Amino acid sequence: RINDFYVSKKETGGAREIVPFDLVYLTWMFGKVKNVKAFLKNTQT
């Protein structure tokens, strides 16, 4: 169950984990991020 897995905790949530995981190579390919604007959502699903 996801409740028994760290990706269900807010601090270590699944989506939160993947953001830097993918940015590690996206910034390598496209350059360092200078500024960011973001939208976050819990869909309650």
PDB file of all heavy atoms in Angstrom:
ATOM      1  N   ARG A   1       0.847  -1.199   0.000  1.00  0.00           N
ATOM      2  CA  ARG A   1       0.000   0.000   0.000  1.00  0.00           C
ATOM      3  C   ARG A   1       0.877   1.241   0.000  1.00  0.00           C
ATOM      4  O   ARG A   1       1.943   1.252   0.618  1.00  0.00           O
ATOM      5  CB  ARG A   1      -0.885   0.036   1.250  1.00  0.00           C
ATOM      6  CG  ARG A   1      -1.839  -1.134   1.418  1.00  0.00           C
ATOM      7  CD  ARG A   1      -2.732  -0.918   2.628  1.00  0.00           C
ATOM      8  NE  ARG A   1      -1.975  -0.416   3.779  1.00  0.00           N
ATOM      9  CZ  ARG A   1      -2.415   0.494   4.641  1.00  0.00           C
ATOM     10  NH1 ARG A   1      -3.611   1.024   4.481  1.00  0.00           N
ATOM     11  NH2 ARG A   1      -1.678   0.882   5.661  1.00  0.00           N
ATOM     12  N   ILE A   2       0.432   2.297  -0.690  1.00  0.00           N
ATOM     13  CA  ILE A   2       1.257   3.512  -0.721  1.00  0.00           C
ATOM     14  C   ILE A   2       1.390   4.112   0.674  1.00  0.00           C
ATOM     15  O   ILE A   2       2.375   4.789   0.963  1.00  0.00           O
ATOM     16  CB  ILE A   2       0.718   4.560  -1.722  1.00  0.00           C
ATOM     17  CG1 ILE A   2      -0.712   4.990  -1.399  1.00  0.00           C
ATOM     18  CG2 ILE A   2       0.826   4.067  -3.149  1.00  0.00           C
ATOM     19  CD1 ILE A   2      -1.201   6.133  -2.279  1.00  0.00           C
ATOM     20  N   ASN A   3       0.434   3.840   1.561  1.00  0.00           N
ATOM     21  CA  ASN A   3       0.521   4.353   2.935  1.00  0.00           C
ATOM     22  C   ASN A   3       1.679   3.735   3.708  1.00  0.00           C
ATOM     23  O   ASN A   3       2.137   4.291   4.704  1.00  0.00           O
ATOM     24  CB  ASN A   3      -0.790   4.074   3.686  1.00  0.00           C
ATOM     25  CG  ASN A   3      -2.000   4.641   2.984  1.00  0.00           C
ATOM     26  OD1 ASN A   3      -2.393   4.122   1.940  1.00  0.00           O
ATOM     27  ND2 ASN A   3      -2.569   5.700   3.527  1.00  0.00           N
ATOM     28  N   ASP A   4       2.179   2.574   3.239  1.00  0.00           N
ATOM     29  CA  ASP A   4       3.310   1.914   3.891  1.00  0.00           C
ATOM     30  C   ASP A   4       4.636   2.258   3.220  1.00  0.00           C
ATOM     31  O   ASP A   4       5.672   1.676   3.532  1.00  0.00           O
ATOM     32  CB  ASP A   4       3.113   0.389   3.856  1.00  0.00           C
ATOM     33  CG  ASP A   4       1.853  -0.039   4.584  1.00  0.00           C
ATOM     34  OD1 ASP A   4       1.475   0.644   5.556  1.00  0.00           O
ATOM     35  OD2 ASP A   4       1.253  -1.045   4.168  1.00  0.00           O
ATOM     36  N   PHE A   5       4.626   3.234   2.332  1.00  0.00           N
ATOM     37  CA  PHE A   5       5.755   3.561   1.456  1.00  0.00           C
ATOM     38  C   PHE A   5       6.002   5.063   1.612  1.00  0.00           C
ATOM     39  O   PHE A   5       5.064   5.852   1.672  1.00  0.00           O
ATOM     40  CB  PHE A   5       5.334   3.161   0.035  1.00  0.00           C
ATOM     41  CG  PHE A   5       6.333   3.354  -1.061  1.00  0.00           C
ATOM     42  CD1 PHE A   5       7.685   3.414  -0.826  1.00  0.00           C
ATOM     43  CD2 PHE A   5       5.884   3.457  -2.369  1.00  0.00           C
ATOM     44  CE1 PHE A   5       8.579   3.574  -1.867  1.00  0.00           C
ATOM     45  CE2 PHE A   5       6.759   3.618  -3.419  1.00  0.00           C
ATOM     46  CZ  PHE A   5       8.110   3.680  -3.156  1.00  0.00           C
ATOM     47  N   TYR A   6       7.264   5.478   1.664  1.00  0.00           N
ATOM     48  CA  TYR A   6       7.573   6.875   1.987  1.00  0.00           C
ATOM     49  C   TYR A   6       6.995   7.890   1.009  1.00  0.00           C
ATOM     50  O   TYR A   6       6.849   9.072   1.329  1.00  0.00           O
ATOM     51  CB  TYR A   6       9.090   7.075   2.117  1.00  0.00           C
ATOM     52  CG  TYR A   6       9.879   7.003   0.826  1.00  0.00           C
ATOM     53  CD1 TYR A   6       9.963   8.100  -0.033  1.00  0.00           C
ATOM     54  CD2 TYR A   6      10.578   5.851   0.468  1.00  0.00           C
ATOM     55  CE1 TYR A   6      10.684   8.052  -1.207  1.00  0.00           C
ATOM     56  CE2 TYR A   6      11.320   5.793  -0.701  1.00  0.00           C
ATOM     57  CZ  TYR A   6      11.364   6.890  -1.535  1.00  0.00           C
ATOM     58  OH  TYR A   6      12.087   6.839  -2.697  1.00  0.00           O
ATOM     59  N   VAL A   7       6.614   7.458  -0.199  1.00  0.00           N
ATOM     60  CA  VAL A   7       6.082   8.394  -1.202  1.00  0.00           C
ATOM     61  C   VAL A   7       4.696   8.919  -0.833  1.00  0.00           C
ATOM     62  O   VAL A   7       4.165   9.794  -1.517  1.00  0.00           O
ATOM     63  CB  VAL A   7       6.024   7.755  -2.602  1.00  0.00           C
ATOM     64  CG1 VAL A   7       7.422   7.497  -3.130  1.00  0.00           C
ATOM     65  CG2 VAL A   7       5.200   6.479  -2.589  1.00  0.00           C
ATOM     66  N   SER A   8       4.102   8.370   0.236  1.00  0.00           N
ATOM     67  CA  SER A   8       2.783   8.853   0.668  1.00  0.00           C
ATOM     68  C   SER A   8       2.892   9.946   1.726  1.00  0.00           C
ATOM     69  O   SER A   8       1.890  10.531   2.127  1.00  0.00           O
ATOM     70  CB  SER A   8       1.959   7.692   1.233  1.00  0.00           C
ATOM     71  OG  SER A   8       2.561   7.178   2.412  1.00  0.00           O
ATOM     72  N   LYS A   9       4.128  10.251   2.167  1.00  0.00           N
ATOM     73  CA  LYS A   9       4.336  11.302   3.164  1.00  0.00           C
ATOM     74  C   LYS A   9       4.567  12.634   2.455  1.00  0.00           C
ATOM     75  O   LYS A   9       5.198  12.680   1.398  1.00  0.00           O
ATOM     76  CB  LYS A   9       5.545  10.974   4.040  1.00  0.00           C
ATOM     77  CG  LYS A   9       5.403   9.688   4.825  1.00  0.00           C
ATOM     78  CD  LYS A   9       6.687   9.400   5.603  1.00  0.00           C
ATOM     79  CE  LYS A   9       6.601   8.063   6.336  1.00  0.00           C
ATOM     80  NZ  LYS A   9       7.887   7.749   7.023  1.00  0.00           N
ATOM     81  N   LYS A  10       4.070  13.705   3.028  1.00  0.00           N
ATOM     82  CA  LYS A  10       4.159  15.015   2.375  1.00  0.00           C
ATOM     83  C   LYS A  10       5.603  15.408   2.079  1.00  0.00           C
ATOM     84  O   LYS A  10       5.915  15.918   1.006  1.00  0.00           O
ATOM     85  CB  LYS A  10       3.486  16.082   3.241  1.00  0.00           C
ATOM     86  CG  LYS A  10       3.340  17.423   2.522  1.00  0.00           C
ATOM     87  CD  LYS A  10       2.419  18.359   3.257  1.00  0.00           C
ATOM     88  CE  LYS A  10       2.258  19.677   2.510  1.00  0.00           C
ATOM     89  NZ  LYS A  10       1.624  19.515   1.181  1.00  0.00           N
ATOM     90  N   GLU A  11       6.508  15.185   3.053  1.00  0.00           N
ATOM     91  CA  GLU A  11       7.903  15.614   2.886  1.00  0.00           C
ATOM     92  C   GLU A  11       8.632  14.805   1.824  1.00  0.00           C
ATOM     93  O   GLU A  11       9.579  15.292   1.205  1.00  0.00           O
ATOM     94  CB  GLU A  11       8.660  15.499   4.220  1.00  0.00           C
ATOM     95  CG  GLU A  11       8.153  16.401   5.321  1.00  0.00           C
ATOM     96  CD  GLU A  11       6.913  15.855   6.024  1.00  0.00           C
ATOM     97  OE1 GLU A  11       6.500  14.701   5.709  1.00  0.00           O
ATOM     98  OE2 GLU A  11       6.341  16.558   6.874  1.00  0.00           O
ATOM     99  N   THR A  12       8.235  13.560   1.636  1.00  0.00           N
ATOM    100  CA  THR A  12       8.918  12.686   0.683  1.00  0.00           C
ATOM    101  C   THR A  12       7.947  12.150  -0.367  1.00  0.00           C
ATOM    102  O   THR A  12       8.092  11.033  -0.853  1.00  0.00           O
ATOM    103  CB  THR A  12       9.590  11.513   1.429  1.00  0.00           C
ATOM    104  OG1 THR A  12       8.606  10.851   2.247  1.00  0.00           O
ATOM    105  CG2 THR A  12      10.712  11.988   2.319  1.00  0.00           C
ATOM    106  N   GLY A  13       6.949  12.947  -0.715  1.00  0.00           N
ATOM    107  CA  GLY A  13       5.909  12.530  -1.652  1.00  0.00           C
ATOM    108  C   GLY A  13       6.439  12.165  -3.020  1.00  0.00           C
ATOM    109  O   GLY A  13       7.482  12.658  -3.462  1.00  0.00           O
ATOM    110  N   GLY A  14       5.705  11.287  -3.701  1.00  0.00           N
ATOM    111  CA  GLY A  14       6.147  10.782  -4.993  1.00  0.00           C
ATOM    112  C   GLY A  14       6.424  11.861  -6.017  1.00  0.00           C
ATOM    113  O   GLY A  14       7.480  11.885  -6.655  1.00  0.00           O
ATOM    114  N   ALA A  15       5.478  12.783  -6.204  1.00  0.00           N
ATOM    115  CA  ALA A  15       5.675  13.854  -7.186  1.00  0.00           C
ATOM    116  C   ALA A  15       6.825  14.763  -6.753  1.00  0.00           C
ATOM    117  O   ALA A  15       7.642  15.189  -7.576  1.00  0.00           O
ATOM    118  CB  ALA A  15       4.389  14.662  -7.348  1.00  0.00           C
ATOM    119  N   ARG A  16       6.896  15.049  -5.461  1.00  0.00           N
ATOM    120  CA  ARG A  16       7.968  15.906  -4.930  1.00  0.00           C
ATOM    121  C   ARG A  16       9.339  15.276  -5.178  1.00  0.00           C
ATOM    122  O   ARG A  16      10.317  15.973  -5.431  1.00  0.00           O
ATOM    123  CB  ARG A  16       7.741  16.136  -3.427  1.00  0.00           C
ATOM    124  CG  ARG A  16       8.655  17.188  -2.833  1.00  0.00           C
ATOM    125  CD  ARG A  16       8.271  17.524  -1.394  1.00  0.00           C
ATOM    126  NE  ARG A  16       8.892  18.778  -0.997  1.00  0.00           N
ATOM    127  CZ  ARG A  16       9.848  18.880  -0.077  1.00  0.00           C
ATOM    128  NH1 ARG A  16      10.276  17.809   0.555  1.00  0.00           N
ATOM    129  NH2 ARG A  16      10.375  20.057   0.211  1.00  0.00           N
ATOM    130  N   GLU A  17       9.410  13.958  -5.119  1.00  0.00           N
ATOM    131  CA  GLU A  17      10.674  13.263  -5.354  1.00  0.00           C
ATOM    132  C   GLU A  17      11.105  13.338  -6.815  1.00  0.00           C
ATOM    133  O   GLU A  17      12.288  13.491  -7.127  1.00  0.00           O
ATOM    134  CB  GLU A  17      10.551  11.794  -4.931  1.00  0.00           C
ATOM    135  CG  GLU A  17      11.820  10.997  -5.152  1.00  0.00           C
ATOM    136  CD  GLU A  17      11.665   9.536  -4.787  1.00  0.00           C
ATOM    137  OE1 GLU A  17      10.608   8.941  -5.073  1.00  0.00           O
ATOM    138  OE2 GLU A  17      12.613   8.978  -4.216  1.00  0.00           O
ATOM    139  N   ILE A  18      10.138  13.229  -7.728  1.00  0.00           N
ATOM    140  CA  ILE A  18      10.475  13.188  -9.155  1.00  0.00           C
ATOM    141  C   ILE A  18      10.898  14.552  -9.688  1.00  0.00           C
ATOM    142  O   ILE A  18      11.661  14.638 -10.646  1.00  0.00           O
ATOM    143  CB  ILE A  18       9.291  12.631  -9.974  1.00  0.00           C
ATOM    144  CG1 ILE A  18       9.030  11.174  -9.577  1.00  0.00           C
ATOM    145  CG2 ILE A  18       9.560  12.710 -11.480  1.00  0.00           C
ATOM    146  CD1 ILE A  18      10.174  10.221  -9.890  1.00  0.00           C
ATOM    147  N   VAL A  19      10.416  15.640  -9.091  1.00  0.00           N
ATOM    148  CA  VAL A  19      10.785  16.984  -9.581  1.00  0.00           C
ATOM    149  C   VAL A  19      12.305  17.131  -9.663  1.00  0.00           C
ATOM    150  O   VAL A  19      12.845  17.396 -10.745  1.00  0.00           O
ATOM    151  CB  VAL A  19      10.148  18.101  -8.729  1.00  0.00           C
ATOM    152  CG1 VAL A  19      10.695  19.464  -9.149  1.00  0.00           C
ATOM    153  CG2 VAL A  19       8.633  18.094  -8.864  1.00  0.00           C
ATOM    154  N   PRO A  20      13.056  16.966  -8.561  1.00  0.00           N
ATOM    155  CA  PRO A  20      14.516  17.091  -8.690  1.00  0.00           C
ATOM    156  C   PRO A  20      15.138  15.941  -9.464  1.00  0.00           C
ATOM    157  O   PRO A  20      16.150  16.133 -10.155  1.00  0.00           O
ATOM    158  CB  PRO A  20      15.006  17.110  -7.234  1.00  0.00           C
ATOM    159  CG  PRO A  20      13.917  16.493  -6.433  1.00  0.00           C
ATOM    160  CD  PRO A  20      12.643  16.819  -7.148  1.00  0.00           C
ATOM    161  N   PHE A  21      14.548  14.733  -9.389  1.00  0.00           N
ATOM    162  CA  PHE A  21      15.088  13.588 -10.126  1.00  0.00           C
ATOM    163  C   PHE A  21      15.174  13.914 -11.613  1.00  0.00           C
ATOM    164  O   PHE A  21      16.193  13.657 -12.264  1.00  0.00           O
ATOM    165  CB  PHE A  21      14.203  12.360  -9.896  1.00  0.00           C
ATOM    166  CG  PHE A  21      14.746  11.087 -10.498  1.00  0.00           C
ATOM    167  CD1 PHE A  21      15.639  10.300  -9.785  1.00  0.00           C
ATOM    168  CD2 PHE A  21      14.364  10.672 -11.765  1.00  0.00           C
ATOM    169  CE1 PHE A  21      16.141   9.124 -10.330  1.00  0.00           C
ATOM    170  CE2 PHE A  21      14.857   9.509 -12.320  1.00  0.00           C
ATOM    171  CZ  PHE A  21      15.750   8.726 -11.605  1.00  0.00           C
ATOM    172  N   ASP A  22      14.112  14.500 -12.162  1.00  0.00           N
ATOM    173  CA  ASP A  22      14.116  14.841 -13.582  1.00  0.00           C
ATOM    174  C   ASP A  22      14.862  16.140 -13.865  1.00  0.00           C
ATOM    175  O   ASP A  22      15.492  16.291 -14.915  1.00  0.00           O
ATOM    176  CB  ASP A  22      12.683  14.905 -14.110  1.00  0.00           C
ATOM    177  CG  ASP A  22      12.118  13.510 -14.405  1.00  0.00           C
ATOM    178  OD1 ASP A  22      12.735  12.523 -13.966  1.00  0.00           O
ATOM    179  OD2 ASP A  22      11.059  13.414 -15.061  1.00  0.00           O
ATOM    180  N   LEU A  23      14.819  17.088 -12.941  1.00  0.00           N
ATOM    181  CA  LEU A  23      15.552  18.346 -13.145  1.00  0.00           C
ATOM    182  C   LEU A  23      17.057  18.129 -13.182  1.00  0.00           C
ATOM    183  O   LEU A  23      17.787  18.920 -13.797  1.00  0.00           O
ATOM    184  CB  LEU A  23      15.202  19.355 -12.052  1.00  0.00           C
ATOM    185  CG  LEU A  23      13.864  20.066 -12.220  1.00  0.00           C
ATOM    186  CD1 LEU A  23      13.534  20.892 -10.973  1.00  0.00           C
ATOM    187  CD2 LEU A  23      13.864  20.971 -13.462  1.00  0.00           C
ATOM    188  N   VAL A  24      17.549  17.067 -12.568  1.00  0.00           N
ATOM    189  CA  VAL A  24      18.984  16.764 -12.612  1.00  0.00           C
ATOM    190  C   VAL A  24      19.465  16.670 -14.060  1.00  0.00           C
ATOM    191  O   VAL A  24      20.538  17.161 -14.402  1.00  0.00           O
ATOM    192  CB  VAL A  24      19.306  15.455 -11.854  1.00  0.00           C
ATOM    193  CG1 VAL A  24      20.693  14.938 -12.202  1.00  0.00           C
ATOM    194  CG2 VAL A  24      19.199  15.662 -10.346  1.00  0.00           C
ATOM    195  N   TYR A  25      18.670  16.035 -14.921  1.00  0.00           N
ATOM    196  CA  TYR A  25      19.110  15.928 -16.320  1.00  0.00           C
ATOM    197  C   TYR A  25      18.524  17.013 -17.208  1.00  0.00           C
ATOM    198  O   TYR A  25      19.144  17.422 -18.193  1.00  0.00           O
ATOM    199  CB  TYR A  25      18.826  14.534 -16.882  1.00  0.00           C
ATOM    200  CG  TYR A  25      17.393  14.193 -17.174  1.00  0.00           C
ATOM    201  CD1 TYR A  25      16.843  14.402 -18.431  1.00  0.00           C
ATOM    202  CD2 TYR A  25      16.585  13.610 -16.202  1.00  0.00           C
ATOM    203  CE1 TYR A  25      15.531  14.054 -18.714  1.00  0.00           C
ATOM    204  CE2 TYR A  25      15.271  13.254 -16.469  1.00  0.00           C
ATOM    205  CZ  TYR A  25      14.750  13.478 -17.727  1.00  0.00           C
ATOM    206  OH  TYR A  25      13.443  13.138 -18.002  1.00  0.00           O
ATOM    207  N   LEU A  26      17.356  17.534 -16.862  1.00  0.00           N
ATOM    208  CA  LEU A  26      16.779  18.615 -17.676  1.00  0.00           C
ATOM    209  C   LEU A  26      17.642  19.877 -17.616  1.00  0.00           C
ATOM    210  O   LEU A  26      17.838  20.561 -18.630  1.00  0.00           O
ATOM    211  CB  LEU A  26      15.351  18.916 -17.221  1.00  0.00           C
ATOM    212  CG  LEU A  26      14.321  17.813 -17.471  1.00  0.00           C
ATOM    213  CD1 LEU A  26      12.997  18.142 -16.783  1.00  0.00           C
ATOM    214  CD2 LEU A  26      14.113  17.574 -18.971  1.00  0.00           C
ATOM    215  N   THR A  27      18.167  20.195 -16.431  1.00  0.00           N
ATOM    216  CA  THR A  27      19.050  21.366 -16.312  1.00  0.00           C
ATOM    217  C   THR A  27      20.396  21.101 -16.977  1.00  0.00           C
ATOM    218  O   THR A  27      21.050  22.025 -17.447  1.00  0.00           O
ATOM    219  CB  THR A  27      19.273  21.750 -14.841  1.00  0.00           C
ATOM    220  OG1 THR A  27      19.762  20.618 -14.118  1.00  0.00           O
ATOM    221  CG2 THR A  27      17.983  22.229 -14.198  1.00  0.00           C
ATOM    222  N   TRP A  28      20.828  19.854 -17.011  1.00  0.00           N
ATOM    223  CA  TRP A  28      22.064  19.459 -17.712  1.00  0.00           C
ATOM    224  C   TRP A  28      21.907  19.685 -19.213  1.00  0.00           C
ATOM    225  O   TRP A  28      22.819  20.159 -19.882  1.00  0.00           O
ATOM    226  CB  TRP A  28      22.317  17.984 -17.407  1.00  0.00           C
ATOM    227  CG  TRP A  28      23.612  17.417 -17.899  1.00  0.00           C
ATOM    228  CD1 TRP A  28      24.862  17.920 -17.699  1.00  0.00           C
ATOM    229  CD2 TRP A  28      23.786  16.197 -18.634  1.00  0.00           C
ATOM    230  NE1 TRP A  28      25.802  17.079 -18.262  1.00  0.00           N
ATOM    231  CE2 TRP A  28      25.162  16.026 -18.836  1.00  0.00           C
ATOM    232  CE3 TRP A  28      22.901  15.231 -19.114  1.00  0.00           C
ATOM    233  CZ2 TRP A  28      25.692  14.924 -19.521  1.00  0.00           C
ATOM    234  CZ3 TRP A  28      23.418  14.138 -19.785  1.00  0.00           C
ATOM    235  CH2 TRP A  28      24.792  13.986 -19.990  1.00  0.00           C
ATOM    236  N   MET A  29      20.707  19.414 -19.711  1.00  0.00           N
ATOM    237  CA  MET A  29      20.445  19.559 -21.139  1.00  0.00           C
ATOM    238  C   MET A  29      20.132  20.997 -21.548  1.00  0.00           C
ATOM    239  O   MET A  29      20.597  21.474 -22.587  1.00  0.00           O
ATOM    240  CB  MET A  29      19.268  18.660 -21.546  1.00  0.00           C
ATOM    241  CG  MET A  29      19.546  17.178 -21.429  1.00  0.00           C
ATOM    242  SD  MET A  29      18.033  16.189 -21.614  1.00  0.00           S
ATOM    243  CE  MET A  29      17.710  16.381 -23.355  1.00  0.00           C
ATOM    244  N   PHE A  30      19.339  21.693 -20.697  1.00  0.00           N
ATOM    245  CA  PHE A  30      18.781  22.972 -21.127  1.00  0.00           C
ATOM    246  C   PHE A  30      19.292  24.189 -20.364  1.00  0.00           C
ATOM    247  O   PHE A  30      18.909  25.310 -20.672  1.00  0.00           O
ATOM    248  CB  PHE A  30      17.248  22.916 -21.044  1.00  0.00           C
ATOM    249  CG  PHE A  30      16.649  21.788 -21.832  1.00  0.00           C
ATOM    250  CD1 PHE A  30      15.932  20.781 -21.206  1.00  0.00           C
ATOM    251  CD2 PHE A  30      16.820  21.734 -23.211  1.00  0.00           C
ATOM    252  CE1 PHE A  30      15.381  19.731 -21.937  1.00  0.00           C
ATOM    253  CE2 PHE A  30      16.275  20.688 -23.958  1.00  0.00           C
ATOM    254  CZ  PHE A  30      15.559  19.680 -23.321  1.00  0.00           C
ATOM    255  N   GLY A  31      20.154  23.976 -19.361  1.00  0.00           N
ATOM    256  CA  GLY A  31      20.742  25.098 -18.631  1.00  0.00           C
ATOM    257  C   GLY A  31      20.197  25.252 -17.222  1.00  0.00           C
ATOM    258  O   GLY A  31      19.152  24.694 -16.867  1.00  0.00           O
ATOM    259  N   LYS A  32      20.902  26.014 -16.427  1.00  0.00           N
ATOM    260  CA  LYS A  32      20.505  26.242 -15.037  1.00  0.00           C
ATOM    261  C   LYS A  32      19.243  27.110 -14.974  1.00  0.00           C
ATOM    262  O   LYS A  32      19.086  28.046 -15.762  1.00  0.00           O
ATOM    263  CB  LYS A  32      21.628  26.939 -14.272  1.00  0.00           C
ATOM    264  CG  LYS A  32      22.861  26.072 -14.061  1.00  0.00           C
ATOM    265  CD  LYS A  32      23.884  26.785 -13.192  1.00  0.00           C
ATOM    266  CE  LYS A  32      25.086  25.888 -12.928  1.00  0.00           C
ATOM    267  NZ  LYS A  32      26.067  26.541 -12.021  1.00  0.00           N
ATOM    268  N   VAL A  33      18.378  26.796 -14.038  1.00  0.00           N
ATOM    269  CA  VAL A  33      17.130  27.548 -13.890  1.00  0.00           C
ATOM    270  C   VAL A  33      17.414  28.899 -13.219  1.00  0.00           C
ATOM    271  O   VAL A  33      18.033  28.956 -12.154  1.00  0.00           O
ATOM    272  CB  VAL A  33      16.103  26.749 -13.071  1.00  0.00           C
ATOM    273  CG1 VAL A  33      14.897  27.610 -12.710  1.00  0.00           C
ATOM    274  CG2 VAL A  33      15.660  25.511 -13.857  1.00  0.00           C
ATOM    275  N   LYS A  34      16.962  29.974 -13.865  1.00  0.00           N
ATOM    276  CA  LYS A  34      17.142  31.335 -13.333  1.00  0.00           C
ATOM    277  C   LYS A  34      15.939  31.775 -12.505  1.00  0.00           C
ATOM    278  O   LYS A  34      16.076  32.471 -11.506  1.00  0.00           O
ATOM    279  CB  LYS A  34      17.334  32.329 -14.490  1.00  0.00           C
ATOM    280  CG  LYS A  34      18.649  32.212 -15.220  1.00  0.00           C
ATOM    281  CD  LYS A  34      18.667  33.046 -16.487  1.00  0.00           C
ATOM    282  CE  LYS A  34      18.193  34.469 -16.266  1.00  0.00           C
ATOM    283  NZ  LYS A  34      18.189  35.263 -17.514  1.00  0.00           N
ATOM    284  N   ASN A  35      14.749  31.385 -12.942  1.00  0.00           N
ATOM    285  CA  ASN A  35      13.535  31.738 -12.198  1.00  0.00           C
ATOM    286  C   ASN A  35      12.463  30.694 -12.457  1.00  0.00           C
ATOM    287  O   ASN A  35      12.498  29.973 -13.453  1.00  0.00           O
ATOM    288  CB  ASN A  35      13.043  33.147 -12.560  1.00  0.00           C
ATOM    289  CG  ASN A  35      12.943  33.358 -14.058  1.00  0.00           C
ATOM    290  OD1 ASN A  35      12.143  32.708 -14.718  1.00  0.00           O
ATOM    291  ND2 ASN A  35      13.760  34.250 -14.606  1.00  0.00           N
ATOM    292  N   VAL A  36      11.517  30.615 -11.533  1.00  0.00           N
ATOM    293  CA  VAL A  36      10.481  29.593 -11.636  1.00  0.00           C
ATOM    294  C   VAL A  36       9.161  30.120 -11.081  1.00  0.00           C
ATOM    295  O   VAL A  36       9.128  30.892 -10.137  1.00  0.00           O
ATOM    296  CB  VAL A  36      10.900  28.303 -10.863  1.00  0.00           C
ATOM    297  CG1 VAL A  36      11.147  28.599  -9.385  1.00  0.00           C
ATOM    298  CG2 VAL A  36       9.862  27.209 -11.006  1.00  0.00           C
ATOM    299  N   LYS A  37       8.098  29.711 -11.744  1.00  0.00           N
ATOM    300  CA  LYS A  37       6.750  29.956 -11.238  1.00  0.00           C
ATOM    301  C   LYS A  37       6.035  28.612 -11.246  1.00  0.00           C
ATOM    302  O   LYS A  37       6.133  27.858 -12.227  1.00  0.00           O
ATOM    303  CB  LYS A  37       6.001  30.972 -12.097  1.00  0.00           C
ATOM    304  CG  LYS A  37       4.718  31.463 -11.441  1.00  0.00           C
ATOM    305  CD  LYS A  37       4.160  32.685 -12.155  1.00  0.00           C
ATOM    306  CE  LYS A  37       2.950  33.229 -11.389  1.00  0.00           C
ATOM    307  NZ  LYS A  37       2.373  34.409 -12.061  1.00  0.00           N
ATOM    308  N   ALA A  38       5.312  28.289 -10.157  1.00  0.00           N
ATOM    309  CA  ALA A  38       4.798  26.929 -10.041  1.00  0.00           C
ATOM    310  C   ALA A  38       3.363  26.856  -9.545  1.00  0.00           C
ATOM    311  O   ALA A  38       2.865  27.781  -8.903  1.00  0.00           O
ATOM    312  CB  ALA A  38       5.704  26.127  -9.108  1.00  0.00           C
ATOM    313  N   PHE A  39       2.745  25.717  -9.871  1.00  0.00           N
ATOM    314  CA  PHE A  39       1.414  25.388  -9.381  1.00  0.00           C
ATOM    315  C   PHE A  39       1.476  23.965  -8.827  1.00  0.00           C
ATOM    316  O   PHE A  39       1.997  23.058  -9.476  1.00  0.00           O
ATOM    317  CB  PHE A  39       0.385  25.467 -10.513  1.00  0.00           C
ATOM    318  CG  PHE A  39      -0.980  24.997 -10.108  1.00  0.00           C
ATOM    319  CD1 PHE A  39      -1.821  25.834  -9.384  1.00  0.00           C
ATOM    320  CD2 PHE A  39      -1.424  23.725 -10.447  1.00  0.00           C
ATOM    321  CE1 PHE A  39      -3.085  25.398  -9.005  1.00  0.00           C
ATOM    322  CE2 PHE A  39      -2.683  23.287 -10.069  1.00  0.00           C
ATOM    323  CZ  PHE A  39      -3.527  24.133  -9.344  1.00  0.00           C
ATOM    324  N   LEU A  40       0.977  23.776  -7.615  1.00  0.00           N
ATOM    325  CA  LEU A  40       0.959  22.467  -6.975  1.00  0.00           C
ATOM    326  C   LEU A  40      -0.487  22.108  -6.647  1.00  0.00           C
ATOM    327  O   LEU A  40      -1.298  22.996  -6.359  1.00  0.00           O
ATOM    328  CB  LEU A  40       1.764  22.469  -5.670  1.00  0.00           C
ATOM    329  CG  LEU A  40       3.293  22.386  -5.710  1.00  0.00           C
ATOM    330  CD1 LEU A  40       3.920  23.522  -6.494  1.00  0.00           C
ATOM    331  CD2 LEU A  40       3.852  22.370  -4.291  1.00  0.00           C
ATOM    332  N   LYS A  41      -0.791  20.816  -6.664  1.00  0.00           N
ATOM    333  CA  LYS A  41      -2.180  20.423  -6.359  1.00  0.00           C
ATOM    334  C   LYS A  41      -2.235  19.017  -5.769  1.00  0.00           C
ATOM    335  O   LYS A  41      -1.512  18.119  -6.208  1.00  0.00           O
ATOM    336  CB  LYS A  41      -3.039  20.471  -7.624  1.00  0.00           C
ATOM    337  CG  LYS A  41      -4.528  20.193  -7.345  1.00  0.00           C
ATOM    338  CD  LYS A  41      -5.363  20.406  -8.583  1.00  0.00           C
ATOM    339  CE  LYS A  41      -6.841  20.131  -8.337  1.00  0.00           C
ATOM    340  NZ  LYS A  41      -7.427  21.046  -7.341  1.00  0.00           N
ATOM    341  N   ASN A  42      -3.089  18.868  -4.768  1.00  0.00           N
ATOM    342  CA  ASN A  42      -3.474  17.543  -4.284  1.00  0.00           C
ATOM    343  C   ASN A  42      -4.854  17.266  -4.858  1.00  0.00           C
ATOM    344  O   ASN A  42      -5.828  17.919  -4.489  1.00  0.00           O
ATOM    345  CB  ASN A  42      -3.508  17.506  -2.751  1.00  0.00           C
ATOM    346  CG  ASN A  42      -3.915  16.149  -2.200  1.00  0.00           C
ATOM    347  OD1 ASN A  42      -4.355  15.274  -2.929  1.00  0.00           O
ATOM    348  ND2 ASN A  42      -3.772  15.969  -0.897  1.00  0.00           N
ATOM    349  N   THR A  43      -4.942  16.322  -5.769  1.00  0.00           N
ATOM    350  CA  THR A  43      -6.214  16.053  -6.456  1.00  0.00           C
ATOM    351  C   THR A  43      -7.208  15.297  -5.574  1.00  0.00           C
ATOM    352  O   THR A  43      -8.353  15.093  -5.979  1.00  0.00           O
ATOM    353  CB  THR A  43      -5.976  15.220  -7.733  1.00  0.00           C
ATOM    354  OG1 THR A  43      -5.431  13.939  -7.361  1.00  0.00           O
ATOM    355  CG2 THR A  43      -5.041  15.940  -8.686  1.00  0.00           C
ATOM    356  N   GLN A  44      -6.750  14.859  -4.392  1.00  0.00           N
ATOM    357  CA  GLN A  44      -7.607  14.109  -3.458  1.00  0.00           C
ATOM    358  C   GLN A  44      -8.090  12.793  -4.052  1.00  0.00           C
ATOM    359  O   GLN A  44      -9.158  12.299  -3.709  1.00  0.00           O
ATOM    360  CB  GLN A  44      -8.822  14.962  -3.049  1.00  0.00           C
ATOM    361  CG  GLN A  44      -8.473  16.306  -2.407  1.00  0.00           C
ATOM    362  CD  GLN A  44      -7.843  16.145  -1.024  1.00  0.00           C
ATOM    363  OE1 GLN A  44      -8.182  15.247  -0.282  1.00  0.00           O
ATOM    364  NE2 GLN A  44      -6.913  17.045  -0.705  1.00  0.00           N
ATOM    365  N   THR A  45      -7.302  12.214  -4.948  1.00  0.00           N
ATOM    366  CA  THR A  45      -7.697  10.944  -5.576  1.00  0.00           C
ATOM    367  C   THR A  45      -6.872   9.762  -5.082  1.00  0.00           C
ATOM    368  O   THR A  45      -7.202   8.612  -5.392  1.00  0.00           O
ATOM    369  CB  THR A  45      -7.548  11.030  -7.114  1.00  0.00           C
ATOM    370  OG1 THR A  45      -6.185  11.328  -7.438  1.00  0.00           O
ATOM    371  CG2 THR A  45      -8.466  12.092  -7.697  1.00  0.00           C
TER     372      THR A  45
END
